Amino acid sequence: MNNMNSNIVHKEELELLLNEVFRRYGYDFTNYTRASLQRRVNRLMVIDRFPSFAELLYRVRSDAGYLPRLVEALTVNVTEMFRDPSVFKSIRENVLPMLATQPFIRIWHAGCATGEEVYSMAILLDEANLLHKSLLYATDLNPSAVSSIRKGVFPISQMKLYSENYILSGGQRDFSQYYTAKYDWAKFDDRLKQKMIIATHNLVSDRSFNAFGLIICRNVLIYFDKPLQDKVLTLFDDSLEKLGFLVLGAKEHIRFSAIAGKFRQAAGKEKIWRKMM
């Protein structure tokens, strides 16, 4: 197999690939940051053993069945349950008591990868006795990620870390009560999944589809350039009810965006904002 250095994708080649994917399949990655895309395409070429960029491009042009694999390589974010536990602790203590006053709670997990985050939120809602009146919309661009969410199955090897995160987020129960262990996998309680609507959604091209009390989109905007960040933040603003909450990733901010004036930071140092107008 070629080493990484022998098949570095050049900038011009990357543009050619992005234009081809958009023209043929309608997936628009043109406003994603180039450094991230370049790393991901290089990695894909090594893993799938393309000896040259030309062969990757030929595969994309000639085999529509390869598209999900390419989309997965370009978009999948590594995640974990209760990642950054202090964020979930703040949601538990500062956001859910506000949402509890509503007759019905809609939450959108945008760009939620393989679903660890949305299952974490379902557990939070369950422990606040709010799951029965909640609906969680879990969306991602990547069809294989969406399929993973539907299964609700995660590697058993991750449960020790997830349990530690859960406790740090303020969890009081035995975390293992939420899943059934079978061989190398942990299957989460169907009761959690019953409150989820799981679908593909493209933040770049799709529109608002409901009004939400809480939108969570963590570690997605960092892959977008400034104009696309503004476009997506405007989509979130359009999708949030007044006094709704927006949660972003640790390195993301709404400062200097078109929506900044409508929001105020809601929970100390955490990236949680509340829509005030």
C-alpha atoms as a PDB file:
ATOM      1  CA  MET A   1       0.000   0.000   0.000  1.00  0.00           C
ATOM      2  CA  ASN A   2       1.267   3.476  -0.787  1.00  0.00           C
ATOM      3  CA  ASN A   3       2.296   5.594   2.150  1.00  0.00           C
ATOM      4  CA  MET A   4       0.530   8.829   3.015  1.00  0.00           C
ATOM      5  CA  ASN A   5       3.093  11.041   1.305  1.00  0.00           C
ATOM      6  CA  SER A   6       2.733   9.432  -2.114  1.00  0.00           C
ATOM      7  CA  ASN A   7      -0.906  10.346  -2.556  1.00  0.00           C
ATOM      8  CA  ILE A   8      -1.337  13.777  -1.064  1.00  0.00           C
ATOM      9  CA  VAL A   9      -4.358  15.460  -2.630  1.00  0.00           C
ATOM     10  CA  HIS A  10      -3.476  18.865  -4.049  1.00  0.00           C
ATOM     11  CA  LYS A  11      -5.723  21.912  -3.725  1.00  0.00           C
ATOM     12  CA  GLU A  12      -6.747  21.884  -7.389  1.00  0.00           C
ATOM     13  CA  GLU A  13      -7.634  18.186  -7.166  1.00  0.00           C
ATOM     14  CA  LEU A  14      -9.701  18.764  -4.043  1.00  0.00           C
ATOM     15  CA  GLU A  15     -11.695  21.496  -5.823  1.00  0.00           C
ATOM     16  CA  LEU A  16     -12.269  19.147  -8.749  1.00  0.00           C
ATOM     17  CA  LEU A  17     -13.565  16.445  -6.401  1.00  0.00           C
ATOM     18  CA  LEU A  18     -15.877  18.829  -4.523  1.00  0.00           C
ATOM     19  CA  ASN A  19     -17.314  20.226  -7.754  1.00  0.00           C
ATOM     20  CA  GLU A  20     -17.867  16.716  -9.084  1.00  0.00           C
ATOM     21  CA  VAL A  21     -19.691  15.585  -5.926  1.00  0.00           C
ATOM     22  CA  PHE A  22     -21.898  18.684  -6.002  1.00  0.00           C
ATOM     23  CA  ARG A  23     -22.649  18.461  -9.741  1.00  0.00           C
ATOM     24  CA  ARG A  24     -23.460  14.751  -9.750  1.00  0.00           C
ATOM     25  CA  TYR A  25     -25.050  14.192  -6.356  1.00  0.00           C
ATOM     26  CA  GLY A  26     -26.015  17.593  -4.918  1.00  0.00           C
ATOM     27  CA  TYR A  27     -23.815  17.385  -1.809  1.00  0.00           C
ATOM     28  CA  ASP A  28     -22.226  20.791  -1.304  1.00  0.00           C
ATOM     29  CA  PHE A  29     -18.910  20.752   0.559  1.00  0.00           C
ATOM     30  CA  THR A  30     -17.553  23.883  -1.124  1.00  0.00           C
ATOM     31  CA  ASN A  31     -17.818  25.965   2.072  1.00  0.00           C
ATOM     32  CA  TYR A  32     -16.127  23.436   4.335  1.00  0.00           C
ATOM     33  CA  THR A  33     -12.654  24.411   5.531  1.00  0.00           C
ATOM     34  CA  ARG A  34     -10.082  23.086   3.083  1.00  0.00           C
ATOM     35  CA  ALA A  35      -7.504  21.874   5.615  1.00  0.00           C
ATOM     36  CA  SER A  36     -10.038  19.522   7.206  1.00  0.00           C
ATOM     37  CA  LEU A  37     -11.285  18.197   3.852  1.00  0.00           C
ATOM     38  CA  GLN A  38      -7.762  17.675   2.570  1.00  0.00           C
ATOM     39  CA  ARG A  39      -6.852  15.603   5.647  1.00  0.00           C
ATOM     40  CA  ARG A  40      -9.975  13.503   5.304  1.00  0.00           C
ATOM     41  CA  VAL A  41      -9.566  12.821   1.576  1.00  0.00           C
ATOM     42  CA  ASN A  42      -5.911  11.890   2.073  1.00  0.00           C
ATOM     43  CA  ARG A  43      -6.901   9.481   4.828  1.00  0.00           C
ATOM     44  CA  LEU A  44      -9.647   7.953   2.663  1.00  0.00           C
ATOM     45  CA  MET A  45      -7.196   7.372  -0.189  1.00  0.00           C
ATOM     46  CA  VAL A  46      -4.847   5.487   2.127  1.00  0.00           C
ATOM     47  CA  ILE A  47      -7.567   3.388   3.793  1.00  0.00           C
ATOM     48  CA  ASP A  48      -9.333   2.503   0.523  1.00  0.00           C
ATOM     49  CA  ARG A  49      -6.008   2.018  -1.282  1.00  0.00           C
ATOM     50  CA  PHE A  50      -6.369   4.419  -4.174  1.00  0.00           C
ATOM     51  CA  PRO A  51      -2.934   4.612  -5.862  1.00  0.00           C
ATOM     52  CA  SER A  52      -3.742   8.051  -7.291  1.00  0.00           C
ATOM     53  CA  PHE A  53      -6.252  10.870  -7.089  1.00  0.00           C
ATOM     54  CA  ALA A  54      -7.355  10.064 -10.656  1.00  0.00           C
ATOM     55  CA  GLU A  55      -8.562   6.644  -9.513  1.00  0.00           C
ATOM     56  CA  LEU A  56     -10.540   8.132  -6.624  1.00  0.00           C
ATOM     57  CA  LEU A  57     -12.158  10.635  -8.995  1.00  0.00           C
ATOM     58  CA  TYR A  58     -12.981   7.869 -11.474  1.00  0.00           C
ATOM     59  CA  ARG A  59     -14.642   5.853  -8.689  1.00  0.00           C
ATOM     60  CA  VAL A  60     -16.740   8.855  -7.633  1.00  0.00           C
ATOM     61  CA  ARG A  61     -17.789   9.515 -11.245  1.00  0.00           C
ATOM     62  CA  SER A  62     -18.576   5.920 -12.164  1.00  0.00           C
ATOM     63  CA  ASP A  63     -19.934   4.363  -8.961  1.00  0.00           C
ATOM     64  CA  ALA A  64     -22.849   6.076  -7.198  1.00  0.00           C
ATOM     65  CA  GLY A  65     -22.681   3.285  -4.606  1.00  0.00           C
ATOM     66  CA  TYR A  66     -19.379   4.697  -3.364  1.00  0.00           C
ATOM     67  CA  LEU A  67     -20.967   8.052  -2.473  1.00  0.00           C
ATOM     68  CA  PRO A  68     -22.071   7.102   1.083  1.00  0.00           C
ATOM     69  CA  ARG A  69     -18.501   6.019   1.828  1.00  0.00           C
ATOM     70  CA  LEU A  70     -17.139   9.354   0.573  1.00  0.00           C
ATOM     71  CA  VAL A  71     -19.743  11.380   2.486  1.00  0.00           C
ATOM     72  CA  GLU A  72     -18.908   9.432   5.636  1.00  0.00           C
ATOM     73  CA  ALA A  73     -15.194  10.142   5.212  1.00  0.00           C
ATOM     74  CA  LEU A  74     -15.829  13.864   4.719  1.00  0.00           C
ATOM     75  CA  THR A  75     -18.328  14.388   7.526  1.00  0.00           C
ATOM     76  CA  VAL A  76     -18.160  11.901  10.408  1.00  0.00           C
ATOM     77  CA  ASN A  77     -17.206  13.490  13.719  1.00  0.00           C
ATOM     78  CA  VAL A  78     -15.769  11.464  16.561  1.00  0.00           C
ATOM     79  CA  THR A  79     -18.102  11.722  19.528  1.00  0.00           C
ATOM     80  CA  GLU A  80     -18.954  10.055  22.829  1.00  0.00           C
ATOM     81  CA  MET A  81     -21.816   9.967  25.313  1.00  0.00           C
ATOM     82  CA  PHE A  82     -21.928  12.950  27.687  1.00  0.00           C
ATOM     83  CA  ARG A  83     -18.882  14.399  25.912  1.00  0.00           C
ATOM     84  CA  ASP A  84     -17.675  17.474  27.835  1.00  0.00           C
ATOM     85  CA  PRO A  85     -19.716  16.478  30.912  1.00  0.00           C
ATOM     86  CA  SER A  86     -19.823  20.058  32.226  1.00  0.00           C
ATOM     87  CA  VAL A  87     -21.972  21.014  29.216  1.00  0.00           C
ATOM     88  CA  PHE A  88     -24.499  18.299  30.020  1.00  0.00           C
ATOM     89  CA  LYS A  89     -24.389  19.261  33.701  1.00  0.00           C
ATOM     90  CA  SER A  90     -25.237  22.826  32.714  1.00  0.00           C
ATOM     91  CA  ILE A  91     -28.081  21.638  30.465  1.00  0.00           C
ATOM     92  CA  ARG A  92     -29.334  19.490  33.346  1.00  0.00           C
ATOM     93  CA  GLU A  93     -29.215  22.374  35.849  1.00  0.00           C
ATOM     94  CA  ASN A  94     -29.897  25.505  33.763  1.00  0.00           C
ATOM     95  CA  VAL A  95     -31.755  24.542  30.584  1.00  0.00           C
ATOM     96  CA  LEU A  96     -34.082  21.664  31.448  1.00  0.00           C
ATOM     97  CA  PRO A  97     -35.787  23.518  34.345  1.00  0.00           C
ATOM     98  CA  MET A  98     -36.744  26.246  31.828  1.00  0.00           C
ATOM     99  CA  LEU A  99     -37.934  23.756  29.212  1.00  0.00           C
ATOM    100  CA  ALA A 100     -39.920  21.914  31.900  1.00  0.00           C
ATOM    101  CA  THR A 101     -42.398  24.810  32.044  1.00  0.00           C
ATOM    102  CA  GLN A 102     -43.472  24.128  28.434  1.00  0.00           C
ATOM    103  CA  PRO A 103     -46.330  21.748  27.632  1.00  0.00           C
ATOM    104  CA  PHE A 104     -44.189  20.009  25.007  1.00  0.00           C
ATOM    105  CA  ILE A 105     -40.425  20.017  24.373  1.00  0.00           C
ATOM    106  CA  ARG A 106     -38.803  19.744  20.944  1.00  0.00           C
ATOM    107  CA  ILE A 107     -35.028  19.338  20.750  1.00  0.00           C
ATOM    108  CA  TRP A 108     -32.957  19.252  17.553  1.00  0.00           C
ATOM    109  CA  HIS A 109     -29.572  17.517  17.510  1.00  0.00           C
ATOM    110  CA  ALA A 110     -28.132  18.860  14.245  1.00  0.00           C
ATOM    111  CA  GLY A 111     -25.150  17.076  12.731  1.00  0.00           C
ATOM    112  CA  CYS A 112     -25.358  14.502  15.498  1.00  0.00           C
ATOM    113  CA  ALA A 113     -23.014  11.911  13.936  1.00  0.00           C
ATOM    114  CA  THR A 114     -23.664   8.400  15.257  1.00  0.00           C
ATOM    115  CA  GLY A 115     -26.093   9.425  17.992  1.00  0.00           C
ATOM    116  CA  GLU A 116     -24.200   9.233  21.283  1.00  0.00           C
ATOM    117  CA  GLU A 117     -25.268  12.800  22.065  1.00  0.00           C
ATOM    118  CA  VAL A 118     -28.976  12.308  21.419  1.00  0.00           C
ATOM    119  CA  TYR A 119     -29.060   9.194  23.627  1.00  0.00           C
ATOM    120  CA  SER A 120     -27.293  11.219  26.327  1.00  0.00           C
ATOM    121  CA  MET A 121     -30.007  13.876  26.069  1.00  0.00           C
ATOM    122  CA  ALA A 122     -32.771  11.267  26.254  1.00  0.00           C
ATOM    123  CA  ILE A 123     -31.234  10.007  29.516  1.00  0.00           C
ATOM    124  CA  LEU A 124     -31.097  13.570  30.885  1.00  0.00           C
ATOM    125  CA  LEU A 125     -34.768  14.089  30.014  1.00  0.00           C
ATOM    126  CA  ASP A 126     -35.709  10.753  31.562  1.00  0.00           C
ATOM    127  CA  GLU A 127     -34.016  11.670  34.835  1.00  0.00           C
ATOM    128  CA  ALA A 128     -35.756  15.054  34.863  1.00  0.00           C
ATOM    129  CA  ASN A 129     -39.092  13.259  34.282  1.00  0.00           C
ATOM    130  CA  LEU A 130     -39.493  15.126  30.979  1.00  0.00           C
ATOM    131  CA  LEU A 131     -38.971  12.383  28.397  1.00  0.00           C
ATOM    132  CA  HIS A 132     -42.691  11.616  28.191  1.00  0.00           C
ATOM    133  CA  LYS A 133     -43.412  15.114  26.833  1.00  0.00           C
ATOM    134  CA  SER A 134     -40.323  15.475  24.650  1.00  0.00           C
ATOM    135  CA  LEU A 135     -39.415  14.755  21.047  1.00  0.00           C
ATOM    136  CA  LEU A 136     -35.772  14.608  19.964  1.00  0.00           C
ATOM    137  CA  TYR A 137     -34.980  15.213  16.303  1.00  0.00           C
ATOM    138  CA  ALA A 138     -31.641  13.572  15.440  1.00  0.00           C
ATOM    139  CA  THR A 139     -30.289  14.583  12.029  1.00  0.00           C
ATOM    140  CA  ASP A 140     -27.061  14.172  10.113  1.00  0.00           C
ATOM    141  CA  LEU A 141     -25.940  14.561   6.515  1.00  0.00           C
ATOM    142  CA  ASN A 142     -24.428  11.080   6.534  1.00  0.00           C
ATOM    143  CA  PRO A 143     -26.905   8.210   5.887  1.00  0.00           C
ATOM    144  CA  SER A 144     -24.712   5.604   7.618  1.00  0.00           C
ATOM    145  CA  ALA A 145     -24.546   7.764  10.760  1.00  0.00           C
ATOM    146  CA  VAL A 146     -28.341   8.036  10.761  1.00  0.00           C
ATOM    147  CA  SER A 147     -28.550   4.250  10.442  1.00  0.00           C
ATOM    148  CA  SER A 148     -26.323   3.886  13.539  1.00  0.00           C
ATOM    149  CA  ILE A 149     -28.634   6.119  15.582  1.00  0.00           C
ATOM    150  CA  ARG A 150     -31.604   3.920  14.668  1.00  0.00           C
ATOM    151  CA  LYS A 151     -29.797   0.831  15.958  1.00  0.00           C
ATOM    152  CA  GLY A 152     -28.966   2.403  19.329  1.00  0.00           C
ATOM    153  CA  VAL A 153     -25.990   0.073  19.675  1.00  0.00           C
ATOM    154  CA  PHE A 154     -22.531   1.197  20.823  1.00  0.00           C
ATOM    155  CA  PRO A 155     -19.265  -0.652  21.611  1.00  0.00           C
ATOM    156  CA  ILE A 156     -19.239  -2.151  25.100  1.00  0.00           C
ATOM    157  CA  SER A 157     -15.584  -1.068  25.351  1.00  0.00           C
ATOM    158  CA  GLN A 158     -16.786   2.555  25.550  1.00  0.00           C
ATOM    159  CA  MET A 159     -19.161   2.051  28.483  1.00  0.00           C
ATOM    160  CA  LYS A 160     -16.572   2.708  31.200  1.00  0.00           C
ATOM    161  CA  LEU A 161     -15.787   6.131  29.703  1.00  0.00           C
ATOM    162  CA  TYR A 162     -19.470   6.881  29.080  1.00  0.00           C
ATOM    163  CA  SER A 163     -20.337   5.922  32.656  1.00  0.00           C
ATOM    164  CA  GLU A 164     -17.628   8.246  34.007  1.00  0.00           C
ATOM    165  CA  ASN A 165     -18.890  11.083  31.780  1.00  0.00           C
ATOM    166  CA  TYR A 166     -22.450  10.396  32.940  1.00  0.00           C
ATOM    167  CA  ILE A 167     -21.469  10.693  36.613  1.00  0.00           C
ATOM    168  CA  LEU A 168     -19.520  13.916  35.939  1.00  0.00           C
ATOM    169  CA  SER A 169     -22.616  15.322  34.189  1.00  0.00           C
ATOM    170  CA  GLY A 170     -24.596  14.923  37.416  1.00  0.00           C
ATOM    171  CA  GLY A 171     -26.036  11.463  36.778  1.00  0.00           C
ATOM    172  CA  GLN A 172     -27.233   9.756  39.969  1.00  0.00           C
ATOM    173  CA  ARG A 173     -28.239   6.311  38.730  1.00  0.00           C
ATOM    174  CA  ASP A 174     -26.349   3.198  37.705  1.00  0.00           C
ATOM    175  CA  PHE A 175     -25.531   3.962  34.058  1.00  0.00           C
ATOM    176  CA  SER A 176     -25.718   0.273  33.113  1.00  0.00           C
ATOM    177  CA  GLN A 177     -29.485   0.297  33.696  1.00  0.00           C
ATOM    178  CA  TYR A 178     -29.866   2.148  30.378  1.00  0.00           C
ATOM    179  CA  TYR A 179     -28.427  -0.603  28.185  1.00  0.00           C
ATOM    180  CA  THR A 180     -28.259  -4.363  27.734  1.00  0.00           C
ATOM    181  CA  ALA A 181     -24.801  -5.841  27.135  1.00  0.00           C
ATOM    182  CA  LYS A 182     -24.447  -8.487  24.441  1.00  0.00           C
ATOM    183  CA  TYR A 183     -21.013  -9.717  23.396  1.00  0.00           C
ATOM    184  CA  ASP A 184     -19.032  -6.633  22.287  1.00  0.00           C
ATOM    185  CA  TRP A 185     -22.031  -4.293  22.137  1.00  0.00           C
ATOM    186  CA  ALA A 186     -24.325  -2.312  24.395  1.00  0.00           C
ATOM    187  CA  LYS A 187     -27.888  -1.862  23.143  1.00  0.00           C
ATOM    188  CA  PHE A 188     -29.650   1.126  24.644  1.00  0.00           C
ATOM    189  CA  ASP A 189     -33.200   0.959  25.933  1.00  0.00           C
ATOM    190  CA  ASP A 190     -35.820   1.242  23.161  1.00  0.00           C
ATOM    191  CA  ARG A 191     -37.781   3.499  25.501  1.00  0.00           C
ATOM    192  CA  LEU A 192     -35.199   6.220  24.756  1.00  0.00           C
ATOM    193  CA  LYS A 193     -35.383   5.719  20.991  1.00  0.00           C
ATOM    194  CA  GLN A 194     -39.175   5.870  20.947  1.00  0.00           C
ATOM    195  CA  LYS A 195     -38.943   9.617  21.607  1.00  0.00           C
ATOM    196  CA  MET A 196     -36.602  10.250  18.643  1.00  0.00           C
ATOM    197  CA  ILE A 197     -37.267  11.251  15.053  1.00  0.00           C
ATOM    198  CA  ILE A 198     -34.168  10.227  13.085  1.00  0.00           C
ATOM    199  CA  ALA A 199     -33.504  11.547   9.577  1.00  0.00           C
ATOM    200  CA  THR A 200     -30.912  12.823   7.131  1.00  0.00           C
ATOM    201  CA  HIS A 201     -30.698  16.616   6.940  1.00  0.00           C
ATOM    202  CA  ASN A 202     -28.174  18.778   5.126  1.00  0.00           C
ATOM    203  CA  LEU A 203     -27.335  21.951   7.070  1.00  0.00           C
ATOM    204  CA  VAL A 204     -25.849  23.440   3.892  1.00  0.00           C
ATOM    205  CA  SER A 205     -28.927  23.179   1.688  1.00  0.00           C
ATOM    206  CA  ASP A 206     -32.002  22.144   3.721  1.00  0.00           C
ATOM    207  CA  ARG A 207     -34.363  24.539   5.477  1.00  0.00           C
ATOM    208  CA  SER A 208     -35.896  24.849   8.909  1.00  0.00           C
ATOM    209  CA  PHE A 209     -38.490  22.125   9.510  1.00  0.00           C
ATOM    210  CA  ASN A 210     -39.915  22.910  12.976  1.00  0.00           C
ATOM    211  CA  ALA A 211     -39.742  25.216  16.003  1.00  0.00           C
ATOM    212  CA  PHE A 212     -37.509  24.011  18.832  1.00  0.00           C
ATOM    213  CA  GLY A 213     -36.916  24.844  22.478  1.00  0.00           C
ATOM    214  CA  LEU A 214     -33.326  23.613  22.279  1.00  0.00           C
ATOM    215  CA  ILE A 215     -30.909  23.121  19.372  1.00  0.00           C
ATOM    216  CA  ILE A 216     -27.599  21.330  19.896  1.00  0.00           C
ATOM    217  CA  CYS A 217     -24.940  21.446  17.183  1.00  0.00           C
ATOM    218  CA  ARG A 218     -21.510  20.768  18.640  1.00  0.00           C
ATOM    219  CA  ASN A 219     -18.235  20.600  16.743  1.00  0.00           C
ATOM    220  CA  VAL A 220     -19.817  20.932  13.306  1.00  0.00           C
ATOM    221  CA  LEU A 221     -19.458  24.666  12.578  1.00  0.00           C
ATOM    222  CA  ILE A 222     -15.669  24.460  13.020  1.00  0.00           C
ATOM    223  CA  TYR A 223     -15.555  22.626   9.672  1.00  0.00           C
ATOM    224  CA  PHE A 224     -17.405  25.457   7.882  1.00  0.00           C
ATOM    225  CA  ASP A 225     -16.056  28.731   6.540  1.00  0.00           C
ATOM    226  CA  LYS A 226     -17.443  32.026   7.896  1.00  0.00           C
ATOM    227  CA  PRO A 227     -20.229  32.557   5.291  1.00  0.00           C
ATOM    228  CA  LEU A 228     -21.528  29.020   5.810  1.00  0.00           C
ATOM    229  CA  GLN A 229     -21.326  29.384   9.606  1.00  0.00           C
ATOM    230  CA  ASP A 230     -23.481  32.516   9.325  1.00  0.00           C
ATOM    231  CA  LYS A 231     -25.954  30.719   7.070  1.00  0.00           C
ATOM    232  CA  VAL A 232     -26.313  27.788   9.483  1.00  0.00           C
ATOM    233  CA  LEU A 233     -26.581  30.037  12.556  1.00  0.00           C
ATOM    234  CA  THR A 234     -29.378  31.944  10.788  1.00  0.00           C
ATOM    235  CA  LEU A 235     -31.091  28.599  10.134  1.00  0.00           C
ATOM    236  CA  PHE A 236     -30.852  27.824  13.859  1.00  0.00           C
ATOM    237  CA  ASP A 237     -32.229  31.264  14.740  1.00  0.00           C
ATOM    238  CA  ASP A 238     -35.165  30.664  12.378  1.00  0.00           C
ATOM    239  CA  SER A 239     -35.729  27.253  13.982  1.00  0.00           C
ATOM    240  CA  LEU A 240     -35.634  28.351  17.637  1.00  0.00           C
ATOM    241  CA  GLU A 241     -38.632  29.482  19.627  1.00  0.00           C
ATOM    242  CA  LYS A 242     -38.252  32.756  21.507  1.00  0.00           C
ATOM    243  CA  LEU A 243     -36.398  32.034  24.777  1.00  0.00           C
ATOM    244  CA  GLY A 244     -35.104  28.808  23.217  1.00  0.00           C
ATOM    245  CA  PHE A 245     -31.541  27.614  23.796  1.00  0.00           C
ATOM    246  CA  LEU A 246     -28.636  27.018  21.397  1.00  0.00           C
ATOM    247  CA  VAL A 247     -25.667  24.813  22.365  1.00  0.00           C
ATOM    248  CA  LEU A 248     -22.448  24.837  20.305  1.00  0.00           C
ATOM    249  CA  GLY A 249     -19.040  23.167  20.622  1.00  0.00           C
ATOM    250  CA  ALA A 250     -16.181  24.325  22.832  1.00  0.00           C
ATOM    251  CA  LYS A 251     -14.366  26.125  19.985  1.00  0.00           C
ATOM    252  CA  GLU A 252     -17.492  27.633  18.419  1.00  0.00           C
ATOM    253  CA  HIS A 253     -19.117  31.014  19.008  1.00  0.00           C
ATOM    254  CA  ILE A 254     -21.905  33.260  17.718  1.00  0.00           C
ATOM    255  CA  ARG A 255     -19.862  36.418  18.308  1.00  0.00           C
ATOM    256  CA  PHE A 256     -19.631  38.575  15.141  1.00  0.00           C
ATOM    257  CA  SER A 257     -22.390  36.514  13.501  1.00  0.00           C
ATOM    258  CA  ALA A 258     -25.639  37.898  12.083  1.00  0.00           C
ATOM    259  CA  ILE A 259     -27.623  36.485  15.031  1.00  0.00           C
ATOM    260  CA  ALA A 260     -25.346  37.641  17.876  1.00  0.00           C
ATOM    261  CA  GLY A 261     -27.593  40.547  18.917  1.00  0.00           C
ATOM    262  CA  LYS A 262     -30.599  38.289  19.490  1.00  0.00           C
ATOM    263  CA  PHE A 263     -28.908  35.976  22.001  1.00  0.00           C
ATOM    264  CA  ARG A 264     -27.240  36.139  25.382  1.00  0.00           C
ATOM    265  CA  GLN A 265     -24.920  33.575  26.919  1.00  0.00           C
ATOM    266  CA  ALA A 266     -26.997  31.537  29.332  1.00  0.00           C
ATOM    267  CA  ALA A 267     -24.660  29.436  31.431  1.00  0.00           C
ATOM    268  CA  GLY A 268     -21.334  30.877  32.503  1.00  0.00           C
ATOM    269  CA  LYS A 269     -18.406  29.659  30.434  1.00  0.00           C
ATOM    270  CA  GLU A 270     -20.340  26.945  28.566  1.00  0.00           C
ATOM    271  CA  LYS A 271     -21.279  27.567  24.928  1.00  0.00           C
ATOM    272  CA  ILE A 272     -24.999  27.835  25.662  1.00  0.00           C
ATOM    273  CA  TRP A 273     -27.026  30.829  24.451  1.00  0.00           C
ATOM    274  CA  ARG A 274     -30.641  31.856  24.940  1.00  0.00           C
ATOM    275  CA  LYS A 275     -32.671  33.575  22.232  1.00  0.00           C
ATOM    276  CA  MET A 276     -34.035  36.803  23.686  1.00  0.00           C
ATOM    277  CA  MET A 277     -35.885  38.268  20.675  1.00  0.00           C
END
